[in-house]
């Protein structure tokens, strides 16, 4: 068995070289939840609703003037914008200030 000590390996980094882009929100964040109407978007996963209920209860304690509106996506594994309730969903969105979505398994 021969041994070759002249073998060289090139080691590559898994990290890509990229220009750093500052993280920014899609929409501006609201500064205060007081008096706002929050939409709670719940999909068909079994833990989504209990998760949103906890969030709702905690926010009600902190912001007593906040109100909530629920929307249940009843079609599993389908984008809301591709189902028959698209118009209902868009109208619901118009009636809330912000949306909290939960997808829970």
N, C-alpha and C. Protein backbone atom coordinates (compact mmCIF):
# COMPACT_ATOMS: atom_id res chain seq x y z
N UNK A 1 0.85 -1.17 0.00
CA UNK A 1 0.00 0.00 0.00
C UNK A 1 0.89 1.23 0.00
N UNK A 2 0.65 2.12 -0.94
CA UNK A 2 1.50 3.31 -1.02
C UNK A 2 0.81 4.48 -0.34
N UNK A 3 1.58 5.39 0.17
CA UNK A 3 1.08 6.57 0.84
C UNK A 3 1.55 7.80 0.08
N UNK A 4 0.60 8.66 -0.26
CA UNK A 4 0.95 9.86 -0.99
C UNK A 4 0.65 11.07 -0.11
N UNK A 5 1.66 11.72 0.38
CA UNK A 5 1.46 12.88 1.26
C UNK A 5 1.33 14.17 0.49
N UNK A 6 1.38 14.10 -0.82
CA UNK A 6 1.28 15.32 -1.63
C UNK A 6 -0.15 15.61 -2.08
N UNK A 7 -1.13 14.90 -1.54
CA UNK A 7 -2.53 15.12 -1.93
C UNK A 7 -3.02 16.41 -1.28
N UNK A 8 -3.70 17.23 -2.07
CA UNK A 8 -4.25 18.48 -1.55
C UNK A 8 -5.74 18.51 -1.82
N UNK A 9 -6.47 19.01 -0.86
CA UNK A 9 -7.92 19.14 -1.00
C UNK A 9 -8.28 20.61 -0.94
N UNK A 10 -9.23 20.99 -1.78
CA UNK A 10 -9.74 22.35 -1.73
C UNK A 10 -11.00 22.34 -0.87
N UNK A 11 -11.04 23.16 0.14
CA UNK A 11 -12.18 23.22 1.06
C UNK A 11 -12.97 24.47 0.72
N UNK A 12 -14.26 24.26 0.49
CA UNK A 12 -15.13 25.38 0.13
C UNK A 12 -16.07 25.70 1.28
N UNK A 13 -16.37 26.95 1.45
CA UNK A 13 -17.30 27.38 2.49
C UNK A 13 -18.73 27.21 1.98
N UNK A 14 -19.64 26.74 2.83
CA UNK A 14 -21.05 26.62 2.41
C UNK A 14 -21.76 27.98 2.39
N UNK A 15 -21.12 29.00 2.91
CA UNK A 15 -21.73 30.32 2.95
C UNK A 15 -21.47 31.06 1.64
N UNK A 16 -22.52 31.56 1.07
CA UNK A 16 -22.40 32.31 -0.18
C UNK A 16 -21.89 33.72 0.12
N UNK A 17 -21.18 34.26 -0.80
CA UNK A 17 -20.78 35.66 -0.67
C UNK A 17 -21.91 36.49 -1.29
N UNK A 18 -22.49 37.34 -0.47
CA UNK A 18 -23.62 38.14 -0.94
C UNK A 18 -23.55 39.52 -0.30
N UNK A 19 -24.10 40.47 -0.99
CA UNK A 19 -24.19 41.81 -0.42
C UNK A 19 -25.24 41.79 0.67
N UNK A 20 -24.90 42.30 1.85
CA UNK A 20 -25.92 42.31 2.92
C UNK A 20 -27.03 43.30 2.59
N UNK A 21 -28.24 42.83 2.70
CA UNK A 21 -29.42 43.67 2.45
C UNK A 21 -30.10 43.88 3.79
N UNK A 22 -30.35 45.11 4.17
CA UNK A 22 -31.02 45.33 5.46
C UNK A 22 -32.41 44.69 5.47
N UNK A 23 -32.76 44.10 6.59
CA UNK A 23 -34.08 43.48 6.75
C UNK A 23 -35.10 44.60 6.91
N UNK A 24 -36.20 44.47 6.18
CA UNK A 24 -37.28 45.45 6.31
C UNK A 24 -38.61 44.73 6.22
N UNK A 25 -39.59 45.32 6.86
CA UNK A 25 -40.92 44.74 6.87
C UNK A 25 -41.61 44.97 5.53
N UNK A 26 -42.58 44.12 5.21
CA UNK A 26 -43.38 44.31 4.00
C UNK A 26 -44.21 45.58 4.14
N UNK A 27 -44.80 45.75 5.29
CA UNK A 27 -45.59 46.94 5.60
C UNK A 27 -45.03 47.59 6.86
N UNK A 28 -45.31 48.86 7.02
CA UNK A 28 -44.89 49.55 8.24
C UNK A 28 -45.62 48.95 9.44
N UNK A 29 -44.91 48.83 10.54
CA UNK A 29 -45.50 48.30 11.77
C UNK A 29 -46.31 49.40 12.46
N UNK A 30 -47.41 49.01 13.08
CA UNK A 30 -48.16 50.00 13.84
C UNK A 30 -47.47 50.16 15.19
N UNK A 31 -47.48 51.38 15.70
CA UNK A 31 -46.74 51.65 16.93
C UNK A 31 -47.50 51.27 18.19
N UNK A 32 -48.83 51.23 18.12
CA UNK A 32 -49.63 50.93 19.31
C UNK A 32 -50.85 50.12 18.89
N UNK A 33 -51.15 49.09 19.65
CA UNK A 33 -52.31 48.24 19.33
C UNK A 33 -53.62 48.75 19.94
N UNK A 34 -53.54 49.74 20.82
CA UNK A 34 -54.74 50.26 21.48
C UNK A 34 -55.78 50.69 20.45
N UNK A 35 -57.00 50.20 20.63
CA UNK A 35 -58.11 50.56 19.76
C UNK A 35 -58.08 49.93 18.38
N UNK A 36 -57.14 49.05 18.13
CA UNK A 36 -57.02 48.42 16.81
C UNK A 36 -57.88 47.16 16.73
N UNK A 37 -58.19 46.79 15.50
CA UNK A 37 -58.90 45.54 15.25
C UNK A 37 -57.89 44.59 14.61
N UNK A 38 -57.62 43.50 15.31
CA UNK A 38 -56.64 42.53 14.83
C UNK A 38 -57.34 41.34 14.22
N UNK A 39 -56.87 40.94 13.07
CA UNK A 39 -57.38 39.75 12.41
C UNK A 39 -56.57 38.55 12.83
N UNK A 40 -57.25 37.47 13.17
CA UNK A 40 -56.59 36.22 13.53
C UNK A 40 -56.89 35.21 12.43
N UNK A 41 -55.87 34.88 11.66
CA UNK A 41 -56.01 33.97 10.52
C UNK A 41 -55.63 32.56 10.96
N UNK A 42 -56.58 31.66 10.88
CA UNK A 42 -56.40 30.30 11.38
C UNK A 42 -56.53 29.30 10.23
N UNK A 43 -55.50 28.48 10.06
CA UNK A 43 -55.61 27.45 9.03
C UNK A 43 -56.19 26.17 9.63
N UNK A 44 -56.17 25.10 8.89
CA UNK A 44 -56.83 23.86 9.32
C UNK A 44 -55.96 22.98 10.22
N UNK A 45 -54.75 23.39 10.53
CA UNK A 45 -53.88 22.59 11.39
C UNK A 45 -54.42 22.62 12.82
N UNK A 46 -54.26 21.52 13.52
CA UNK A 46 -54.93 21.35 14.82
C UNK A 46 -54.47 22.29 15.92
N UNK A 47 -53.27 22.81 15.86
CA UNK A 47 -52.77 23.67 16.94
C UNK A 47 -52.90 25.16 16.60
N UNK A 48 -53.30 25.47 15.40
CA UNK A 48 -53.41 26.88 15.01
C UNK A 48 -54.43 27.63 15.87
N UNK A 49 -55.61 27.07 16.03
CA UNK A 49 -56.65 27.76 16.80
C UNK A 49 -56.27 27.94 18.27
N UNK A 50 -55.80 26.89 18.96
CA UNK A 50 -55.40 27.11 20.36
C UNK A 50 -54.27 28.14 20.50
N UNK A 51 -53.36 28.16 19.55
CA UNK A 51 -52.26 29.13 19.58
C UNK A 51 -52.81 30.54 19.47
N UNK A 52 -53.72 30.76 18.53
CA UNK A 52 -54.30 32.08 18.35
C UNK A 52 -55.15 32.49 19.55
N UNK A 53 -55.81 31.54 20.19
CA UNK A 53 -56.61 31.86 21.39
C UNK A 53 -55.72 32.36 22.52
N UNK A 54 -54.56 31.75 22.69
CA UNK A 54 -53.61 32.21 23.71
C UNK A 54 -53.14 33.62 23.38
N UNK A 55 -52.79 33.85 22.12
CA UNK A 55 -52.35 35.18 21.69
C UNK A 55 -53.46 36.21 21.93
N UNK A 56 -54.68 35.85 21.55
CA UNK A 56 -55.81 36.75 21.73
C UNK A 56 -55.99 37.10 23.21
N UNK A 57 -55.98 36.10 24.09
CA UNK A 57 -56.17 36.34 25.52
C UNK A 57 -55.06 37.20 26.11
N UNK A 58 -53.84 36.97 25.70
CA UNK A 58 -52.72 37.78 26.22
C UNK A 58 -52.81 39.22 25.74
N UNK A 59 -53.17 39.40 24.48
CA UNK A 59 -53.29 40.76 23.97
C UNK A 59 -54.47 41.50 24.59
N UNK A 60 -55.56 40.78 24.86
CA UNK A 60 -56.73 41.41 25.51
C UNK A 60 -56.35 41.94 26.90
N UNK A 61 -55.48 41.21 27.61
CA UNK A 61 -55.06 41.64 28.93
C UNK A 61 -54.18 42.89 28.86
N UNK A 62 -53.34 42.95 27.85
CA UNK A 62 -52.40 44.07 27.72
C UNK A 62 -53.04 45.29 27.07
N UNK A 63 -53.89 45.06 26.09
CA UNK A 63 -54.56 46.16 25.35
C UNK A 63 -56.06 45.93 25.45
N UNK A 64 -56.68 46.53 26.44
CA UNK A 64 -58.10 46.26 26.71
C UNK A 64 -59.03 46.77 25.63
N UNK A 65 -58.57 47.73 24.83
CA UNK A 65 -59.44 48.29 23.78
C UNK A 65 -59.28 47.59 22.43
N UNK A 66 -58.44 46.58 22.36
CA UNK A 66 -58.23 45.84 21.10
C UNK A 66 -59.42 44.92 20.85
N UNK A 67 -59.82 44.81 19.58
CA UNK A 67 -60.87 43.86 19.21
C UNK A 67 -60.28 42.88 18.20
N UNK A 68 -60.97 41.76 18.03
CA UNK A 68 -60.45 40.69 17.18
C UNK A 68 -61.50 40.22 16.20
N UNK A 69 -61.02 39.79 15.05
CA UNK A 69 -61.87 39.19 14.03
C UNK A 69 -61.16 37.94 13.52
N UNK A 70 -61.85 36.84 13.52
CA UNK A 70 -61.26 35.56 13.10
C UNK A 70 -61.60 35.25 11.66
N UNK A 71 -60.66 34.62 10.96
CA UNK A 71 -60.91 34.06 9.64
C UNK A 71 -60.34 32.65 9.63
N UNK A 72 -61.18 31.68 9.32
CA UNK A 72 -60.75 30.28 9.26
C UNK A 72 -60.58 29.86 7.80
N UNK A 73 -59.37 29.46 7.45
CA UNK A 73 -59.11 28.91 6.13
C UNK A 73 -59.51 27.44 6.19
N UNK A 74 -60.62 27.09 5.59
CA UNK A 74 -61.17 25.74 5.73
C UNK A 74 -60.72 24.76 4.66
N UNK A 75 -59.93 25.22 3.73
CA UNK A 75 -59.46 24.33 2.66
C UNK A 75 -58.01 23.98 2.94
N UNK A 76 -57.74 22.75 3.37
CA UNK A 76 -56.37 22.38 3.71
C UNK A 76 -55.43 22.44 2.51
N UNK A 77 -54.20 22.84 2.81
CA UNK A 77 -53.12 22.83 1.81
C UNK A 77 -53.42 23.61 0.55
N UNK A 78 -54.22 24.64 0.68
CA UNK A 78 -54.53 25.45 -0.49
C UNK A 78 -54.39 26.92 -0.13
N UNK A 79 -53.77 27.66 -0.99
CA UNK A 79 -53.62 29.10 -0.75
C UNK A 79 -55.00 29.75 -0.74
N UNK A 80 -55.20 30.64 0.19
CA UNK A 80 -56.50 31.28 0.34
C UNK A 80 -56.91 32.04 -0.92
N UNK A 81 -55.93 32.57 -1.63
CA UNK A 81 -56.24 33.34 -2.83
C UNK A 81 -56.62 32.44 -4.01
N UNK A 82 -56.54 31.14 -3.84
CA UNK A 82 -56.88 30.21 -4.92
C UNK A 82 -58.13 29.40 -4.61
N UNK A 83 -58.90 29.83 -3.63
CA UNK A 83 -60.09 29.07 -3.28
C UNK A 83 -61.35 29.92 -3.44
N UNK A 84 -62.49 29.28 -3.37
CA UNK A 84 -63.76 29.99 -3.61
C UNK A 84 -64.02 31.14 -2.63
N UNK A 85 -63.41 31.13 -1.44
CA UNK A 85 -63.66 32.16 -0.43
C UNK A 85 -62.73 33.36 -0.57
N UNK A 86 -62.09 33.50 -1.71
CA UNK A 86 -61.14 34.60 -1.92
C UNK A 86 -61.77 35.96 -1.65
N UNK A 87 -62.96 36.21 -2.18
CA UNK A 87 -63.62 37.50 -1.98
C UNK A 87 -63.94 37.74 -0.51
N UNK A 88 -64.40 36.70 0.16
CA UNK A 88 -64.71 36.80 1.60
C UNK A 88 -63.43 37.16 2.37
N UNK A 89 -62.33 36.52 2.02
CA UNK A 89 -61.05 36.79 2.67
C UNK A 89 -60.60 38.23 2.43
N UNK A 90 -60.68 38.69 1.20
CA UNK A 90 -60.27 40.06 0.89
C UNK A 90 -61.13 41.09 1.63
N UNK A 91 -62.42 40.84 1.76
CA UNK A 91 -63.29 41.73 2.53
C UNK A 91 -62.92 41.72 4.01
N UNK A 92 -62.60 40.54 4.52
CA UNK A 92 -62.18 40.43 5.92
C UNK A 92 -60.91 41.26 6.15
N UNK A 93 -59.97 41.18 5.22
CA UNK A 93 -58.72 41.93 5.36
C UNK A 93 -58.97 43.43 5.42
N UNK A 94 -59.93 43.90 4.67
CA UNK A 94 -60.23 45.34 4.66
C UNK A 94 -60.77 45.82 6.01
N UNK A 95 -61.30 44.90 6.80
CA UNK A 95 -61.91 45.28 8.08
C UNK A 95 -61.00 45.15 9.28
N UNK A 96 -59.72 44.85 9.07
CA UNK A 96 -58.78 44.71 10.20
C UNK A 96 -57.57 45.61 9.97
N UNK A 97 -56.94 45.98 11.09
CA UNK A 97 -55.74 46.83 11.01
C UNK A 97 -54.48 46.03 10.79
N UNK A 98 -54.39 44.88 11.40
CA UNK A 98 -53.23 43.99 11.31
C UNK A 98 -53.73 42.56 11.37
N UNK A 99 -52.89 41.62 10.90
CA UNK A 99 -53.26 40.21 10.91
C UNK A 99 -52.16 39.40 11.58
N UNK A 100 -52.59 38.47 12.42
CA UNK A 100 -51.69 37.48 13.02
C UNK A 100 -52.14 36.14 12.45
N UNK A 101 -51.23 35.42 11.82
CA UNK A 101 -51.55 34.12 11.22
C UNK A 101 -50.88 33.02 12.01
N UNK A 102 -51.56 31.88 12.12
CA UNK A 102 -50.98 30.72 12.80
C UNK A 102 -51.15 29.50 11.92
N UNK A 103 -50.08 28.76 11.77
CA UNK A 103 -50.09 27.50 11.04
C UNK A 103 -49.51 26.46 11.99
N UNK A 104 -50.34 25.72 12.67
CA UNK A 104 -49.83 24.85 13.73
C UNK A 104 -50.11 23.39 13.54
N UNK A 105 -49.08 22.59 13.65
CA UNK A 105 -49.23 21.13 13.64
C UNK A 105 -49.17 20.61 15.06
